[in-house]
Amino acid sequence: MTGVAALWFALALTVAVGDWLAVHAGRRTAEYVAKPLTMVLLIGAALALDPVDGAVRVAFVVALAFSLAGDIFLMLPRDLFVAGLASFLIGHLAYITGLQLRGQSGEWFVLGLVVVLAVILVVGVRIVRAVRAGDDALAVPVTAYLAVISLMVASAFGTGNGFAMAGALLFYASDAMIAWNRFVQPHPWARVAIMTTYHLGQFGLVLSLL
């Protein structure tokens, strides 16, 4: 990793921690700055890296850009959940493209499928049922999103890269907590946990470019 890339990562981590503290303290103004700025700095880090494959980096930068858009939609006072969901879905499709371009091990990919299937059976099914009970119109987009992010996680496993696997799993955990907190049962600690796992997940995925 170059010194410039390391500086981008250090700045991104510093701002991310600031965002976690702002979420914990309920400081919405600080959150409005730190949350999107973290993703902007991560995009800078991705662009500063010397990746294994330049095409993979392009796909990841697209994924980060759509994640940034999703962050903005989800943090605004209006309920733009569907817009945020759509942005992140496109972001995951871009991540899947990049992870597939990196190359896949059949054995690792199958292991990833086993992991996501277990999560879907234990957590995902209950979330989808809760969505249908509360707002049936959201059932299809939420189910589609669950399928796409699950494929992203399996694709991350397929690379056999530790950073990719850890990052994808943390992203998966973050989104599971968002859905659980919104549709099943809210928890006071959820927002901090969601943002921490989300940012660390994005860091892991970007680091997998090395």
N, C-alpha and C. Protein backbone atom coordinates (compact mmCIF):
# COMPACT_ATOMS: atom_id res chain seq x y z
N MET A 1 0.84 -1.20 0.00
CA MET A 1 0.00 0.00 0.00
C MET A 1 0.88 1.24 0.00
N THR A 2 0.56 2.19 -0.86
CA THR A 2 1.32 3.42 -0.92
C THR A 2 1.01 4.31 0.28
N GLY A 3 1.92 5.28 0.52
CA GLY A 3 1.70 6.20 1.62
C GLY A 3 0.45 7.05 1.41
N VAL A 4 0.18 7.40 0.16
CA VAL A 4 -1.01 8.21 -0.14
C VAL A 4 -2.27 7.42 0.19
N ALA A 5 -2.30 6.15 -0.22
CA ALA A 5 -3.47 5.30 0.07
C ALA A 5 -3.65 5.13 1.57
N ALA A 6 -2.53 4.94 2.30
CA ALA A 6 -2.60 4.78 3.75
C ALA A 6 -3.18 6.03 4.40
N LEU A 7 -2.81 7.20 3.86
CA LEU A 7 -3.34 8.45 4.41
C LEU A 7 -4.85 8.54 4.18
N TRP A 8 -5.31 8.17 2.97
CA TRP A 8 -6.75 8.16 2.71
C TRP A 8 -7.48 7.23 3.67
N PHE A 9 -6.91 6.04 3.90
CA PHE A 9 -7.53 5.10 4.82
C PHE A 9 -7.57 5.66 6.24
N ALA A 10 -6.48 6.28 6.67
CA ALA A 10 -6.41 6.84 8.02
C ALA A 10 -7.45 7.95 8.19
N LEU A 11 -7.59 8.79 7.20
CA LEU A 11 -8.59 9.86 7.26
C LEU A 11 -10.01 9.27 7.28
N ALA A 12 -10.23 8.26 6.44
CA ALA A 12 -11.55 7.63 6.40
C ALA A 12 -11.90 7.00 7.74
N LEU A 13 -10.93 6.32 8.35
CA LEU A 13 -11.18 5.68 9.64
C LEU A 13 -11.45 6.73 10.72
N THR A 14 -10.71 7.82 10.71
CA THR A 14 -10.91 8.88 11.69
C THR A 14 -12.32 9.47 11.58
N VAL A 15 -12.74 9.74 10.36
CA VAL A 15 -14.07 10.31 10.16
C VAL A 15 -15.15 9.28 10.50
N ALA A 16 -14.90 8.00 10.18
CA ALA A 16 -15.87 6.95 10.52
C ALA A 16 -16.08 6.87 12.02
N VAL A 17 -14.99 6.91 12.78
CA VAL A 17 -15.11 6.88 14.24
C VAL A 17 -15.89 8.10 14.72
N GLY A 18 -15.64 9.24 14.10
CA GLY A 18 -16.42 10.44 14.43
C GLY A 18 -17.90 10.24 14.17
N ASP A 19 -18.21 9.53 13.08
CA ASP A 19 -19.61 9.27 12.77
C ASP A 19 -20.23 8.35 13.83
N TRP A 20 -19.50 7.32 14.24
CA TRP A 20 -20.03 6.40 15.27
C TRP A 20 -20.33 7.16 16.56
N LEU A 21 -19.40 8.06 16.93
CA LEU A 21 -19.61 8.84 18.15
C LEU A 21 -20.80 9.79 18.00
N ALA A 22 -20.95 10.36 16.80
CA ALA A 22 -22.08 11.26 16.55
C ALA A 22 -23.40 10.50 16.64
N VAL A 23 -23.43 9.29 16.09
CA VAL A 23 -24.64 8.46 16.16
C VAL A 23 -24.96 8.13 17.61
N HIS A 24 -23.93 7.77 18.37
CA HIS A 24 -24.13 7.42 19.79
C HIS A 24 -24.66 8.60 20.58
N ALA A 25 -24.14 9.80 20.26
CA ALA A 25 -24.54 11.00 21.00
C ALA A 25 -25.81 11.64 20.45
N GLY A 26 -26.30 11.13 19.33
CA GLY A 26 -27.49 11.72 18.73
C GLY A 26 -27.25 13.07 18.09
N ARG A 27 -26.04 13.31 17.62
CA ARG A 27 -25.70 14.59 16.99
C ARG A 27 -25.91 14.46 15.48
N ARG A 28 -27.11 14.76 15.04
CA ARG A 28 -27.49 14.53 13.66
C ARG A 28 -26.68 15.39 12.68
N THR A 29 -26.39 16.64 13.04
CA THR A 29 -25.65 17.51 12.13
C THR A 29 -24.27 16.93 11.85
N ALA A 30 -23.58 16.49 12.90
CA ALA A 30 -22.26 15.88 12.72
C ALA A 30 -22.36 14.60 11.90
N GLU A 31 -23.42 13.85 12.12
CA GLU A 31 -23.62 12.60 11.37
C GLU A 31 -23.83 12.89 9.88
N TYR A 32 -24.56 13.97 9.58
CA TYR A 32 -24.82 14.32 8.18
C TYR A 32 -23.51 14.64 7.44
N VAL A 33 -22.51 15.09 8.17
CA VAL A 33 -21.22 15.38 7.55
C VAL A 33 -20.34 14.13 7.52
N ALA A 34 -20.21 13.45 8.65
CA ALA A 34 -19.25 12.36 8.78
C ALA A 34 -19.63 11.12 7.99
N LYS A 35 -20.93 10.83 7.93
CA LYS A 35 -21.36 9.59 7.26
C LYS A 35 -21.01 9.59 5.77
N PRO A 36 -21.44 10.59 5.00
CA PRO A 36 -21.05 10.59 3.58
C PRO A 36 -19.57 10.85 3.36
N LEU A 37 -18.95 11.66 4.23
CA LEU A 37 -17.53 11.97 4.07
C LEU A 37 -16.68 10.71 4.20
N THR A 38 -17.09 9.80 5.08
CA THR A 38 -16.35 8.54 5.22
C THR A 38 -16.29 7.81 3.89
N MET A 39 -17.41 7.75 3.18
CA MET A 39 -17.45 7.04 1.89
C MET A 39 -16.65 7.79 0.83
N VAL A 40 -16.69 9.11 0.85
CA VAL A 40 -15.89 9.89 -0.10
C VAL A 40 -14.41 9.58 0.09
N LEU A 41 -13.97 9.53 1.34
CA LEU A 41 -12.57 9.24 1.64
C LEU A 41 -12.21 7.80 1.28
N LEU A 42 -13.14 6.87 1.45
CA LEU A 42 -12.88 5.48 1.04
C LEU A 42 -12.75 5.37 -0.48
N ILE A 43 -13.55 6.14 -1.20
CA ILE A 43 -13.40 6.17 -2.65
C ILE A 43 -12.00 6.69 -3.01
N GLY A 44 -11.55 7.73 -2.30
CA GLY A 44 -10.20 8.23 -2.51
C GLY A 44 -9.15 7.17 -2.23
N ALA A 45 -9.36 6.38 -1.17
CA ALA A 45 -8.42 5.31 -0.84
C ALA A 45 -8.39 4.26 -1.93
N ALA A 46 -9.57 3.88 -2.44
CA ALA A 46 -9.64 2.88 -3.50
C ALA A 46 -8.91 3.36 -4.75
N LEU A 47 -9.07 4.63 -5.07
CA LEU A 47 -8.41 5.19 -6.25
C LEU A 47 -6.90 5.31 -6.07
N ALA A 48 -6.45 5.44 -4.82
CA ALA A 48 -5.02 5.60 -4.55
C ALA A 48 -4.28 4.27 -4.46
N LEU A 49 -5.02 3.17 -4.34
CA LEU A 49 -4.39 1.86 -4.23
C LEU A 49 -3.80 1.41 -5.56
N ASP A 50 -2.85 0.47 -5.46
CA ASP A 50 -2.32 -0.21 -6.64
C ASP A 50 -2.95 -1.60 -6.64
N PRO A 51 -4.11 -1.75 -7.28
CA PRO A 51 -4.88 -2.98 -7.12
C PRO A 51 -4.31 -4.15 -7.93
N VAL A 52 -4.76 -5.35 -7.58
CA VAL A 52 -4.40 -6.54 -8.34
C VAL A 52 -4.93 -6.44 -9.76
N ASP A 53 -6.13 -5.87 -9.91
CA ASP A 53 -6.78 -5.76 -11.22
C ASP A 53 -7.51 -4.42 -11.28
N GLY A 54 -7.17 -3.61 -12.27
CA GLY A 54 -7.79 -2.29 -12.40
C GLY A 54 -9.28 -2.36 -12.64
N ALA A 55 -9.74 -3.38 -13.37
CA ALA A 55 -11.17 -3.52 -13.64
C ALA A 55 -11.95 -3.78 -12.36
N VAL A 56 -11.33 -4.53 -11.45
CA VAL A 56 -11.98 -4.80 -10.16
C VAL A 56 -12.14 -3.49 -9.39
N ARG A 57 -11.11 -2.65 -9.43
CA ARG A 57 -11.19 -1.36 -8.74
C ARG A 57 -12.32 -0.51 -9.31
N VAL A 58 -12.47 -0.48 -10.63
CA VAL A 58 -13.55 0.31 -11.24
C VAL A 58 -14.90 -0.15 -10.70
N ALA A 59 -15.10 -1.47 -10.65
CA ALA A 59 -16.37 -2.01 -10.14
C ALA A 59 -16.57 -1.63 -8.68
N PHE A 60 -15.51 -1.68 -7.89
CA PHE A 60 -15.61 -1.35 -6.47
C PHE A 60 -15.88 0.14 -6.26
N VAL A 61 -15.28 0.99 -7.07
CA VAL A 61 -15.54 2.43 -6.95
C VAL A 61 -17.00 2.72 -7.28
N VAL A 62 -17.54 2.05 -8.29
CA VAL A 62 -18.97 2.19 -8.60
C VAL A 62 -19.81 1.75 -7.41
N ALA A 63 -19.42 0.63 -6.78
CA ALA A 63 -20.14 0.13 -5.61
C ALA A 63 -20.10 1.13 -4.46
N LEU A 64 -18.94 1.72 -4.25
CA LEU A 64 -18.81 2.72 -3.18
C LEU A 64 -19.63 3.96 -3.47
N ALA A 65 -19.69 4.37 -4.74
CA ALA A 65 -20.46 5.55 -5.11
C ALA A 65 -21.95 5.32 -4.86
N PHE A 66 -22.45 4.14 -5.21
CA PHE A 66 -23.87 3.86 -4.96
C PHE A 66 -24.13 3.66 -3.47
N SER A 67 -23.13 3.17 -2.73
CA SER A 67 -23.28 3.08 -1.28
C SER A 67 -23.38 4.47 -0.67
N LEU A 68 -22.58 5.40 -1.19
CA LEU A 68 -22.65 6.79 -0.75
C LEU A 68 -24.05 7.36 -0.98
N ALA A 69 -24.60 7.10 -2.17
CA ALA A 69 -25.96 7.57 -2.46
C ALA A 69 -26.97 6.93 -1.50
N GLY A 70 -26.81 5.64 -1.24
CA GLY A 70 -27.70 4.96 -0.30
C GLY A 70 -27.60 5.53 1.10
N ASP A 71 -26.38 5.84 1.52
CA ASP A 71 -26.19 6.46 2.84
C ASP A 71 -26.98 7.76 2.95
N ILE A 72 -26.89 8.58 1.91
CA ILE A 72 -27.57 9.88 1.94
C ILE A 72 -29.08 9.68 2.00
N PHE A 73 -29.61 8.77 1.19
CA PHE A 73 -31.05 8.51 1.20
C PHE A 73 -31.52 8.06 2.59
N LEU A 74 -30.76 7.17 3.22
CA LEU A 74 -31.21 6.57 4.48
C LEU A 74 -31.04 7.50 5.69
N MET A 75 -30.16 8.50 5.58
CA MET A 75 -29.95 9.35 6.76
C MET A 75 -30.83 10.59 6.75
N LEU A 76 -31.48 10.89 5.62
CA LEU A 76 -32.32 12.08 5.55
C LEU A 76 -33.58 11.93 6.40
N PRO A 77 -34.16 13.03 6.86
CA PRO A 77 -35.35 12.95 7.72
C PRO A 77 -36.53 12.27 7.05
N ARG A 78 -36.67 12.40 5.72
CA ARG A 78 -37.76 11.74 5.01
C ARG A 78 -37.51 10.23 4.94
N ASP A 79 -38.58 9.46 4.81
CA ASP A 79 -38.46 8.01 4.70
C ASP A 79 -38.17 7.66 3.24
N LEU A 80 -36.89 7.54 2.91
CA LEU A 80 -36.46 7.19 1.55
C LEU A 80 -35.85 5.79 1.55
N PHE A 81 -36.48 4.90 2.31
CA PHE A 81 -35.95 3.54 2.47
C PHE A 81 -35.82 2.82 1.14
N VAL A 82 -36.83 2.91 0.28
CA VAL A 82 -36.80 2.19 -0.99
C VAL A 82 -35.69 2.74 -1.89
N ALA A 83 -35.53 4.06 -1.91
CA ALA A 83 -34.45 4.65 -2.71
C ALA A 83 -33.09 4.20 -2.19
N GLY A 84 -32.94 4.17 -0.87
CA GLY A 84 -31.69 3.69 -0.28
C GLY A 84 -31.46 2.23 -0.60
N LEU A 85 -32.52 1.44 -0.51
CA LEU A 85 -32.43 0.01 -0.81
C LEU A 85 -31.99 -0.19 -2.26
N ALA A 86 -32.58 0.55 -3.18
CA ALA A 86 -32.23 0.42 -4.59
C ALA A 86 -30.78 0.81 -4.84
N SER A 87 -30.31 1.87 -4.20
CA SER A 87 -28.93 2.31 -4.37
C SER A 87 -27.96 1.24 -3.89
N PHE A 88 -28.23 0.68 -2.72
CA PHE A 88 -27.34 -0.35 -2.20
C PHE A 88 -27.43 -1.63 -3.03
N LEU A 89 -28.61 -1.94 -3.57
CA LEU A 89 -28.73 -3.12 -4.42
C LEU A 89 -27.82 -2.98 -5.64
N ILE A 90 -27.84 -1.81 -6.28
CA ILE A 90 -26.96 -1.58 -7.42
C ILE A 90 -25.50 -1.66 -6.98
N GLY A 91 -25.21 -1.11 -5.79
CA GLY A 91 -23.86 -1.19 -5.26
C GLY A 91 -23.39 -2.62 -5.09
N HIS A 92 -24.27 -3.48 -4.58
CA HIS A 92 -23.90 -4.88 -4.40
C HIS A 92 -23.71 -5.58 -5.75
N LEU A 93 -24.50 -5.22 -6.75
CA LEU A 93 -24.30 -5.79 -8.08
C LEU A 93 -22.91 -5.40 -8.61
N ALA A 94 -22.50 -4.16 -8.34
CA ALA A 94 -21.16 -3.73 -8.75
C ALA A 94 -20.08 -4.50 -7.97
N TYR A 95 -20.30 -4.71 -6.66
CA TYR A 95 -19.35 -5.51 -5.88
C TYR A 95 -19.27 -6.93 -6.42
N ILE A 96 -20.42 -7.52 -6.74
CA ILE A 96 -20.44 -8.87 -7.30
C ILE A 96 -19.62 -8.93 -8.59
N THR A 97 -19.80 -7.92 -9.44
CA THR A 97 -19.02 -7.87 -10.68
C THR A 97 -17.53 -7.86 -10.40
N GLY A 98 -17.11 -6.99 -9.47
CA GLY A 98 -15.70 -6.89 -9.14
C GLY A 98 -15.16 -8.17 -8.53
N LEU A 99 -15.93 -8.77 -7.63
CA LEU A 99 -15.49 -10.00 -6.97
C LEU A 99 -15.41 -11.16 -7.95
N GLN A 100 -16.33 -11.20 -8.89
CA GLN A 100 -16.28 -12.24 -9.92
C GLN A 100 -15.09 -12.03 -10.85
N LEU A 101 -14.81 -10.76 -11.18
CA LEU A 101 -13.64 -10.47 -12.03
C LEU A 101 -12.34 -10.87 -11.35
N ARG A 102 -12.33 -10.78 -10.04
CA ARG A 102 -11.11 -11.14 -9.30
C ARG A 102 -10.81 -12.63 -9.41
N GLY A 103 -11.81 -13.43 -9.68
CA GLY A 103 -11.62 -14.87 -9.79
C GLY A 103 -12.30 -15.59 -8.64
N GLN A 104 -12.80 -16.78 -8.93
CA GLN A 104 -13.58 -17.51 -7.93
C GLN A 104 -13.05 -18.93 -7.74
N SER A 105 -12.99 -19.35 -6.50
CA SER A 105 -12.71 -20.74 -6.15
C SER A 105 -14.05 -21.42 -5.88
N GLY A 106 -14.32 -22.52 -6.59
CA GLY A 106 -15.60 -23.21 -6.43
C GLY A 106 -15.85 -23.64 -5.01
N GLU A 107 -14.82 -24.15 -4.34
CA GLU A 107 -14.98 -24.64 -2.96
C GLU A 107 -15.32 -23.50 -2.00
N TRP A 108 -14.60 -22.38 -2.15
CA TRP A 108 -14.87 -21.24 -1.28
C TRP A 108 -16.24 -20.64 -1.56
N PHE A 109 -16.63 -20.61 -2.84
CA PHE A 109 -17.95 -20.08 -3.19
C PHE A 109 -19.06 -20.92 -2.57
N VAL A 110 -18.91 -22.23 -2.63
CA VAL A 110 -19.92 -23.12 -2.03
C VAL A 110 -19.99 -22.90 -0.52
N LEU A 111 -18.82 -22.72 0.12
CA LEU A 111 -18.82 -22.42 1.55
C LEU A 111 -19.59 -21.13 1.82
N GLY A 112 -19.38 -20.13 0.97
CA GLY A 112 -20.12 -18.88 1.13
C GLY A 112 -21.61 -19.08 0.98
N LEU A 113 -22.02 -19.91 0.04
CA LEU A 113 -23.44 -20.20 -0.13
C LEU A 113 -24.02 -20.87 1.11
N VAL A 114 -23.25 -21.77 1.71
CA VAL A 114 -23.71 -22.44 2.93
C VAL A 114 -23.90 -21.42 4.05
N VAL A 115 -22.95 -20.49 4.18
CA VAL A 115 -23.03 -19.47 5.23
C VAL A 115 -24.27 -18.60 5.03
N VAL A 116 -24.48 -18.11 3.81
CA VAL A 116 -25.62 -17.20 3.60
C VAL A 116 -26.95 -17.96 3.72
N LEU A 117 -26.97 -19.22 3.31
CA LEU A 117 -28.20 -20.00 3.45
C LEU A 117 -28.56 -20.15 4.92
N ALA A 118 -27.56 -20.37 5.77
CA ALA A 118 -27.81 -20.49 7.20
C ALA A 118 -28.37 -19.18 7.76
N VAL A 119 -27.79 -18.06 7.33
CA VAL A 119 -28.26 -16.75 7.81
C VAL A 119 -29.69 -16.50 7.33
N ILE A 120 -29.96 -16.84 6.07
CA ILE A 120 -31.31 -16.63 5.53
C ILE A 120 -32.33 -17.44 6.32
N LEU A 121 -32.00 -18.70 6.62
CA LEU A 121 -32.94 -19.56 7.33
C LEU A 121 -33.18 -19.08 8.76
N VAL A 122 -32.13 -18.58 9.40
CA VAL A 122 -32.25 -18.17 10.81
C VAL A 122 -32.79 -16.75 10.95
N VAL A 123 -32.33 -15.84 10.11
CA VAL A 123 -32.67 -14.42 10.25
C VAL A 123 -33.52 -13.90 9.09
N GLY A 124 -33.11 -14.22 7.87
CA GLY A 124 -33.76 -13.65 6.70
C GLY A 124 -35.24 -13.98 6.58
N VAL A 125 -35.58 -15.24 6.84
CA VAL A 125 -36.98 -15.66 6.72
C VAL A 125 -37.85 -14.88 7.69
N ARG A 126 -37.36 -14.69 8.90
CA ARG A 126 -38.15 -13.95 9.89
C ARG A 126 -38.31 -12.49 9.49
N ILE A 127 -37.26 -11.92 8.92
CA ILE A 127 -37.35 -10.53 8.47
C ILE A 127 -38.38 -10.38 7.36
N VAL A 128 -38.33 -11.27 6.37
CA VAL A 128 -39.28 -11.19 5.25
C VAL A 128 -40.71 -11.37 5.74
N ARG A 129 -40.91 -12.28 6.68
CA ARG A 129 -42.25 -12.47 7.25
C ARG A 129 -42.73 -11.19 7.95
N ALA A 130 -41.83 -10.55 8.68
CA ALA A 130 -42.20 -9.32 9.37
C ALA A 130 -42.52 -8.21 8.37
N VAL A 131 -41.76 -8.15 7.28
CA VAL A 131 -42.02 -7.15 6.24
C VAL A 131 -43.40 -7.37 5.65
N ARG A 132 -43.73 -8.60 5.33
CA ARG A 132 -45.04 -8.91 4.75
C ARG A 132 -46.17 -8.57 5.70
N ALA A 133 -45.94 -8.79 6.98
CA ALA A 133 -46.98 -8.49 7.96
C ALA A 133 -47.19 -7.00 8.14
N GLY A 134 -46.11 -6.24 8.00
CA GLY A 134 -46.21 -4.79 8.23
C GLY A 134 -46.50 -3.98 7.00
N ASP A 135 -45.87 -4.34 5.87
CA ASP A 135 -46.06 -3.59 4.62
C ASP A 135 -45.75 -4.54 3.47
N ASP A 136 -46.76 -5.21 2.99
CA ASP A 136 -46.57 -6.25 1.98
C ASP A 136 -45.93 -5.71 0.70
N ALA A 137 -46.10 -4.45 0.41
CA ALA A 137 -45.53 -3.85 -0.81
C ALA A 137 -44.00 -3.88 -0.78
N LEU A 138 -43.41 -3.92 0.41
CA LEU A 138 -41.95 -3.95 0.52
C LEU A 138 -41.38 -5.36 0.45
N ALA A 139 -42.22 -6.37 0.47
CA ALA A 139 -41.74 -7.74 0.53
C ALA A 139 -40.87 -8.10 -0.67
N VAL A 140 -41.30 -7.72 -1.87
CA VAL A 140 -40.54 -8.06 -3.07
C VAL A 140 -39.19 -7.35 -3.11
N PRO A 141 -39.11 -6.00 -2.93
CA PRO A 141 -37.79 -5.37 -2.96
C PRO A 141 -36.86 -5.84 -1.84
N VAL A 142 -37.40 -6.09 -0.65
CA VAL A 142 -36.56 -6.58 0.44
C VAL A 142 -36.03 -7.97 0.13
N THR A 143 -36.89 -8.84 -0.40
CA THR A 143 -36.46 -10.20 -0.77
C THR A 143 -35.41 -10.16 -1.87
N ALA A 144 -35.62 -9.29 -2.87
CA ALA A 144 -34.64 -9.15 -3.94
C ALA A 144 -33.30 -8.67 -3.40
N TYR A 145 -33.36 -7.71 -2.49
CA TYR A 145 -32.13 -7.19 -1.89
C TYR A 145 -31.42 -8.28 -1.10
N LEU A 146 -32.18 -9.06 -0.35
CA LEU A 146 -31.59 -10.15 0.43
C LEU A 146 -30.87 -11.14 -0.49
N ALA A 147 -31.47 -11.44 -1.63
CA ALA A 147 -30.86 -12.37 -2.58
C ALA A 147 -29.55 -11.81 -3.14
N VAL A 148 -29.56 -10.50 -3.48
CA VAL A 148 -28.38 -9.89 -4.10
C VAL A 148 -27.24 -9.77 -3.11
N ILE A 149 -27.52 -9.30 -1.89
CA ILE A 149 -26.43 -9.17 -0.92
C ILE A 149 -25.89 -10.54 -0.52
N SER A 150 -26.76 -11.55 -0.51
CA SER A 150 -26.31 -12.91 -0.20
C SER A 150 -25.35 -13.40 -1.28
N LEU A 151 -25.66 -13.10 -2.54
CA LEU A 151 -24.76 -13.47 -3.63
C LEU A 151 -23.44 -12.71 -3.53
N MET A 152 -23.51 -11.45 -3.07
CA MET A 152 -22.28 -10.68 -2.88
C MET A 152 -21.39 -11.34 -1.84
N VAL A 153 -21.99 -11.78 -0.73
CA VAL A 153 -21.21 -12.42 0.33
C VAL A 153 -20.61 -13.73 -0.18
N ALA A 154 -21.40 -14.53 -0.90
CA ALA A 154 -20.88 -15.79 -1.45
C ALA A 154 -19.75 -15.52 -2.43
N SER A 155 -19.88 -14.46 -3.23
CA SER A 155 -18.82 -14.10 -4.18
C SER A 155 -17.56 -13.64 -3.46
N ALA A 156 -17.72 -12.94 -2.35
CA ALA A 156 -16.56 -12.55 -1.54
C ALA A 156 -15.84 -13.78 -1.01
N PHE A 157 -16.59 -14.76 -0.54
CA PHE A 157 -15.98 -16.03 -0.11
C PHE A 157 -15.28 -16.69 -1.28
N GLY A 158 -15.90 -16.62 -2.46
CA GLY A 158 -15.33 -17.27 -3.63
C GLY A 158 -13.95 -16.77 -3.99
N THR A 159 -13.61 -15.53 -3.63
CA THR A 159 -12.28 -15.01 -3.93
C THR A 159 -11.21 -15.65 -3.05
N GLY A 160 -11.63 -16.19 -1.90
CA GLY A 160 -10.66 -16.74 -0.95
C GLY A 160 -9.85 -15.68 -0.25
N ASN A 161 -10.23 -14.40 -0.41
CA ASN A 161 -9.49 -13.29 0.19
C ASN A 161 -10.09 -12.96 1.56
N GLY A 162 -9.25 -12.94 2.58
CA GLY A 162 -9.73 -12.72 3.95
C GLY A 162 -10.39 -11.38 4.14
N PHE A 163 -9.81 -10.32 3.56
CA PHE A 163 -10.40 -8.99 3.68
C PHE A 163 -11.79 -8.96 3.03
N ALA A 164 -11.92 -9.57 1.85
CA ALA A 164 -13.20 -9.57 1.15
C ALA A 164 -14.25 -10.33 1.97
N MET A 165 -13.88 -11.47 2.50
CA MET A 165 -14.84 -12.27 3.28
C MET A 165 -15.27 -11.54 4.54
N ALA A 166 -14.29 -11.00 5.28
CA ALA A 166 -14.63 -10.28 6.52
C ALA A 166 -15.47 -9.06 6.22
N GLY A 167 -15.10 -8.31 5.17
CA GLY A 167 -15.85 -7.11 4.82
C GLY A 167 -17.27 -7.43 4.42
N ALA A 168 -17.45 -8.46 3.60
CA ALA A 168 -18.79 -8.83 3.15
C ALA A 168 -19.65 -9.30 4.32
N LEU A 169 -19.07 -10.07 5.23
CA LEU A 169 -19.84 -10.55 6.38
C LEU A 169 -20.25 -9.40 7.30
N LEU A 170 -19.36 -8.44 7.50
CA LEU A 170 -19.71 -7.28 8.32
C LEU A 170 -20.82 -6.46 7.66
N PHE A 171 -20.74 -6.29 6.35
CA PHE A 171 -21.78 -5.58 5.59
C PHE A 171 -23.11 -6.33 5.74
N TYR A 172 -23.06 -7.65 5.64
CA TYR A 172 -24.24 -8.50 5.79
C TYR A 172 -24.86 -8.31 7.17
N ALA A 173 -24.01 -8.31 8.19
CA ALA A 173 -24.49 -8.13 9.56
C ALA A 173 -25.14 -6.76 9.74
N SER A 174 -24.52 -5.73 9.15
CA SER A 174 -25.07 -4.38 9.26
C SER A 174 -26.46 -4.31 8.65
N ASP A 175 -26.61 -4.85 7.44
CA ASP A 175 -27.90 -4.79 6.78
C ASP A 175 -28.94 -5.65 7.48
N ALA A 176 -28.51 -6.76 8.05
CA ALA A 176 -29.44 -7.60 8.82
C ALA A 176 -29.97 -6.83 10.02
N MET A 177 -29.07 -6.07 10.67
CA MET A 177 -29.51 -5.28 11.83
C MET A 177 -30.44 -4.15 11.43
N ILE A 178 -30.17 -3.53 10.25
CA ILE A 178 -31.08 -2.49 9.77
C ILE A 178 -32.48 -3.06 9.60
N ALA A 179 -32.57 -4.21 8.92
CA ALA A 179 -33.88 -4.82 8.66
C ALA A 179 -34.54 -5.28 9.95
N TRP A 180 -33.77 -5.89 10.83
CA TRP A 180 -34.33 -6.37 12.10
C TRP A 180 -34.86 -5.20 12.92
N ASN A 181 -34.06 -4.15 12.99
CA ASN A 181 -34.44 -2.98 13.79
C ASN A 181 -35.66 -2.27 13.22
N ARG A 182 -35.82 -2.28 11.90
CA ARG A 182 -36.93 -1.59 11.25
C ARG A 182 -38.20 -2.43 11.23
N PHE A 183 -38.06 -3.73 10.98
CA PHE A 183 -39.25 -4.55 10.73
C PHE A 183 -39.60 -5.55 11.83
N VAL A 184 -38.62 -5.95 12.63
CA VAL A 184 -38.89 -6.99 13.64
C VAL A 184 -38.95 -6.40 15.04
N GLN A 185 -37.83 -5.89 15.52
CA GLN A 185 -37.79 -5.33 16.88
C GLN A 185 -36.69 -4.29 16.99
N PRO A 186 -37.02 -3.04 17.28
CA PRO A 186 -35.98 -2.01 17.41
C PRO A 186 -35.19 -2.17 18.72
N HIS A 187 -33.93 -1.78 18.65
CA HIS A 187 -33.06 -1.80 19.83
C HIS A 187 -32.35 -0.46 19.94
N PRO A 188 -32.16 0.07 21.13
CA PRO A 188 -31.53 1.39 21.28
C PRO A 188 -30.08 1.43 20.81
N TRP A 189 -29.39 0.28 20.85
CA TRP A 189 -27.98 0.24 20.48
C TRP A 189 -27.78 -0.03 18.99
N ALA A 190 -28.86 -0.27 18.26
CA ALA A 190 -28.75 -0.77 16.89
C ALA A 190 -28.03 0.20 15.96
N ARG A 191 -28.33 1.50 16.04
CA ARG A 191 -27.77 2.43 15.06
C ARG A 191 -26.25 2.50 15.13
N VAL A 192 -25.70 2.46 16.34
CA VAL A 192 -24.24 2.47 16.46
C VAL A 192 -23.66 1.18 15.90
N ALA A 193 -24.26 0.05 16.24
CA ALA A 193 -23.78 -1.24 15.75
C ALA A 193 -23.89 -1.32 14.23
N ILE A 194 -24.98 -0.79 13.69
CA ILE A 194 -25.18 -0.80 12.23
C ILE A 194 -24.08 -0.02 11.53
N MET A 195 -23.79 1.18 12.01
CA MET A 195 -22.80 2.01 11.34
C MET A 195 -21.39 1.45 11.52
N THR A 196 -21.09 0.91 12.69
CA THR A 196 -19.75 0.36 12.92
C THR A 196 -19.49 -0.81 11.99
N THR A 197 -20.41 -1.76 11.94
CA THR A 197 -20.21 -2.93 11.07
C THR A 197 -20.23 -2.53 9.59
N TYR A 198 -21.07 -1.57 9.25
CA TYR A 198 -21.14 -1.11 7.86
C TYR A 198 -19.82 -0.52 7.39
N HIS A 199 -19.29 0.42 8.16
CA HIS A 199 -18.04 1.04 7.75
C HIS A 199 -16.89 0.04 7.73
N LEU A 200 -16.79 -0.79 8.76
CA LEU A 200 -15.72 -1.78 8.77
C LEU A 200 -15.86 -2.76 7.61
N GLY A 201 -17.11 -3.08 7.25
CA GLY A 201 -17.34 -3.93 6.10
C GLY A 201 -16.84 -3.30 4.81
N GLN A 202 -17.12 -2.02 4.63
CA GLN A 202 -16.65 -1.32 3.44
C GLN A 202 -15.12 -1.23 3.43
N PHE A 203 -14.53 -1.00 4.59
CA PHE A 203 -13.07 -0.98 4.68
C PHE A 203 -12.48 -2.31 4.23
N GLY A 204 -13.08 -3.41 4.72
CA GLY A 204 -12.57 -4.73 4.37
C GLY A 204 -12.64 -4.99 2.88
N LEU A 205 -13.76 -4.63 2.27
CA LEU A 205 -13.91 -4.84 0.84
C LEU A 205 -12.90 -4.02 0.04
N VAL A 206 -12.69 -2.77 0.43
CA VAL A 206 -11.71 -1.94 -0.29
C VAL A 206 -10.29 -2.51 -0.11
N LEU A 207 -9.97 -2.96 1.10
CA LEU A 207 -8.64 -3.53 1.34
C LEU A 207 -8.41 -4.80 0.54
N SER A 208 -9.48 -5.47 0.14
CA SER A 208 -9.32 -6.69 -0.65
C SER A 208 -8.80 -6.39 -2.05
N LEU A 209 -8.80 -5.12 -2.44
CA LEU A 209 -8.23 -4.75 -3.74
C LEU A 209 -6.73 -5.00 -3.79
N LEU A 210 -6.07 -5.03 -2.65
CA LEU A 210 -4.62 -5.20 -2.62
C LEU A 210 -4.20 -6.59 -3.08
